């Protein structure tokens, strides 16, 4: 459900890419946040998969990488505003 909502939000952002509201929200960083959210929702699938070397690796790396993408973009947006 969350992946669908994130995908729908990304489609809306891409469709209205040239509107003043999307331009004012720092488009590129918003896309990075949305991709991070999409990856964060995808972190559940390796947890549910049969334990293998790859699924264990993804279980450790994907949450950290997705949260780093989201928080780094948020901090960058905050520093641009201030």
C-alpha atoms as a PDB file:
ATOM      1  CA  UNK A   1       0.000   0.000   0.000  1.00  0.00           C
ATOM      2  CA  UNK A   2       2.801   2.405   0.879  1.00  0.00           C
ATOM      3  CA  UNK A   3       4.703   1.622  -2.309  1.00  0.00           C
ATOM      4  CA  UNK A   4       1.596   2.372  -4.358  1.00  0.00           C
ATOM      5  CA  UNK A   5       1.063   5.693  -2.574  1.00  0.00           C
ATOM      6  CA  UNK A   6       4.725   6.647  -3.039  1.00  0.00           C
ATOM      7  CA  UNK A   7       4.598   5.700  -6.708  1.00  0.00           C
ATOM      8  CA  UNK A   8       1.384   7.702  -7.177  1.00  0.00           C
ATOM      9  CA  UNK A   9       2.973  10.728  -5.499  1.00  0.00           C
ATOM     10  CA  UNK A  10       6.014  10.445  -7.760  1.00  0.00           C
ATOM     11  CA  UNK A  11       3.782  10.263 -10.842  1.00  0.00           C
ATOM     12  CA  UNK A  12       1.947  13.408  -9.706  1.00  0.00           C
ATOM     13  CA  UNK A  13       5.271  15.200  -9.139  1.00  0.00           C
ATOM     14  CA  UNK A  14       6.569  14.190 -12.573  1.00  0.00           C
ATOM     15  CA  UNK A  15       3.315  15.108 -14.289  1.00  0.00           C
ATOM     16  CA  UNK A  16       3.266  18.578 -12.703  1.00  0.00           C
ATOM     17  CA  UNK A  17       7.032  19.057 -12.942  1.00  0.00           C
ATOM     18  CA  UNK A  18       6.892  22.607 -14.307  1.00  0.00           C
ATOM     19  CA  UNK A  19       4.305  24.063 -11.938  1.00  0.00           C
ATOM     20  CA  UNK A  20       5.420  26.683  -9.397  1.00  0.00           C
ATOM     21  CA  UNK A  21       4.482  24.497  -6.415  1.00  0.00           C
ATOM     22  CA  UNK A  22       6.699  21.597  -7.494  1.00  0.00           C
ATOM     23  CA  UNK A  23       9.519  23.955  -8.494  1.00  0.00           C
ATOM     24  CA  UNK A  24       9.382  25.641  -5.086  1.00  0.00           C
ATOM     25  CA  UNK A  25       9.649  22.297  -3.284  1.00  0.00           C
ATOM     26  CA  UNK A  26      13.137  21.615  -4.710  1.00  0.00           C
ATOM     27  CA  UNK A  27      12.217  18.979  -7.265  1.00  0.00           C
ATOM     28  CA  UNK A  28      15.428  16.976  -7.267  1.00  0.00           C
ATOM     29  CA  UNK A  29      15.568  16.573  -3.507  1.00  0.00           C
ATOM     30  CA  UNK A  30      11.889  15.676  -3.423  1.00  0.00           C
ATOM     31  CA  UNK A  31      12.553  12.907  -5.940  1.00  0.00           C
ATOM     32  CA  UNK A  32      15.431  11.608  -3.808  1.00  0.00           C
ATOM     33  CA  UNK A  33      13.143  11.564  -0.757  1.00  0.00           C
ATOM     34  CA  UNK A  34      10.476   9.676  -2.703  1.00  0.00           C
ATOM     35  CA  UNK A  35      12.997   7.105  -3.954  1.00  0.00           C
ATOM     36  CA  UNK A  36      14.232   6.677  -0.377  1.00  0.00           C
ATOM     37  CA  UNK A  37      10.655   6.128   0.779  1.00  0.00           C
ATOM     38  CA  UNK A  38      10.103   3.596  -1.997  1.00  0.00           C
ATOM     39  CA  UNK A  39      13.242   1.705  -0.944  1.00  0.00           C
ATOM     40  CA  UNK A  40      12.170   1.878   2.686  1.00  0.00           C
ATOM     41  CA  UNK A  41       8.869   0.234   1.830  1.00  0.00           C
ATOM     42  CA  UNK A  42      10.785  -2.368  -0.167  1.00  0.00           C
ATOM     43  CA  UNK A  43      12.884  -3.304   2.871  1.00  0.00           C
ATOM     44  CA  UNK A  44      10.167  -5.655   4.074  1.00  0.00           C
ATOM     45  CA  UNK A  45      10.540  -8.075   1.174  1.00  0.00           C
ATOM     46  CA  UNK A  46      14.048  -9.348   2.057  1.00  0.00           C
ATOM     47  CA  UNK A  47      12.819  -9.864   5.627  1.00  0.00           C
ATOM     48  CA  UNK A  48      10.024 -12.114   4.384  1.00  0.00           C
ATOM     49  CA  UNK A  49      12.186 -13.988   1.878  1.00  0.00           C
ATOM     50  CA  UNK A  50      13.951 -17.260   2.517  1.00  0.00           C
ATOM     51  CA  UNK A  51      17.207 -16.531   4.392  1.00  0.00           C
ATOM     52  CA  UNK A  52      20.082 -16.411   1.946  1.00  0.00           C
ATOM     53  CA  UNK A  53      23.322 -14.474   1.826  1.00  0.00           C
ATOM     54  CA  UNK A  54      21.716 -11.846  -0.413  1.00  0.00           C
ATOM     55  CA  UNK A  55      18.541 -11.415   1.619  1.00  0.00           C
ATOM     56  CA  UNK A  56      20.533 -11.077   4.849  1.00  0.00           C
ATOM     57  CA  UNK A  57      22.790  -8.499   3.209  1.00  0.00           C
ATOM     58  CA  UNK A  58      19.816  -6.512   1.907  1.00  0.00           C
ATOM     59  CA  UNK A  59      18.119  -6.702   5.305  1.00  0.00           C
ATOM     60  CA  UNK A  60      21.134  -4.952   6.835  1.00  0.00           C
ATOM     61  CA  UNK A  61      21.934  -2.453   4.071  1.00  0.00           C
ATOM     62  CA  UNK A  62      18.598  -1.347   2.586  1.00  0.00           C
ATOM     63  CA  UNK A  63      17.069   0.301   5.691  1.00  0.00           C
ATOM     64  CA  UNK A  64      20.237   2.267   6.413  1.00  0.00           C
ATOM     65  CA  UNK A  65      20.614   3.372   2.802  1.00  0.00           C
ATOM     66  CA  UNK A  66      16.966   4.382   2.405  1.00  0.00           C
ATOM     67  CA  UNK A  67      16.875   6.361   5.665  1.00  0.00           C
ATOM     68  CA  UNK A  68      20.187   8.018   4.768  1.00  0.00           C
ATOM     69  CA  UNK A  69      18.716   9.108   1.426  1.00  0.00           C
ATOM     70  CA  UNK A  70      15.626  10.579   3.068  1.00  0.00           C
ATOM     71  CA  UNK A  71      17.343  12.318   5.973  1.00  0.00           C
ATOM     72  CA  UNK A  72      20.225  13.698   3.895  1.00  0.00           C
ATOM     73  CA  UNK A  73      17.737  15.249   1.482  1.00  0.00           C
ATOM     74  CA  UNK A  74      15.688  16.718   4.323  1.00  0.00           C
ATOM     75  CA  UNK A  75      18.776  18.243   5.949  1.00  0.00           C
ATOM     76  CA  UNK A  76      19.898  19.660   2.607  1.00  0.00           C
ATOM     77  CA  UNK A  77      16.451  21.178   2.040  1.00  0.00           C
ATOM     78  CA  UNK A  78      16.524  22.701   5.518  1.00  0.00           C
ATOM     79  CA  UNK A  79      19.981  24.190   4.975  1.00  0.00           C
ATOM     80  CA  UNK A  80      18.891  25.689   1.649  1.00  0.00           C
ATOM     81  CA  UNK A  81      15.922  27.387   3.293  1.00  0.00           C
ATOM     82  CA  UNK A  82      17.893  28.768   6.245  1.00  0.00           C
END
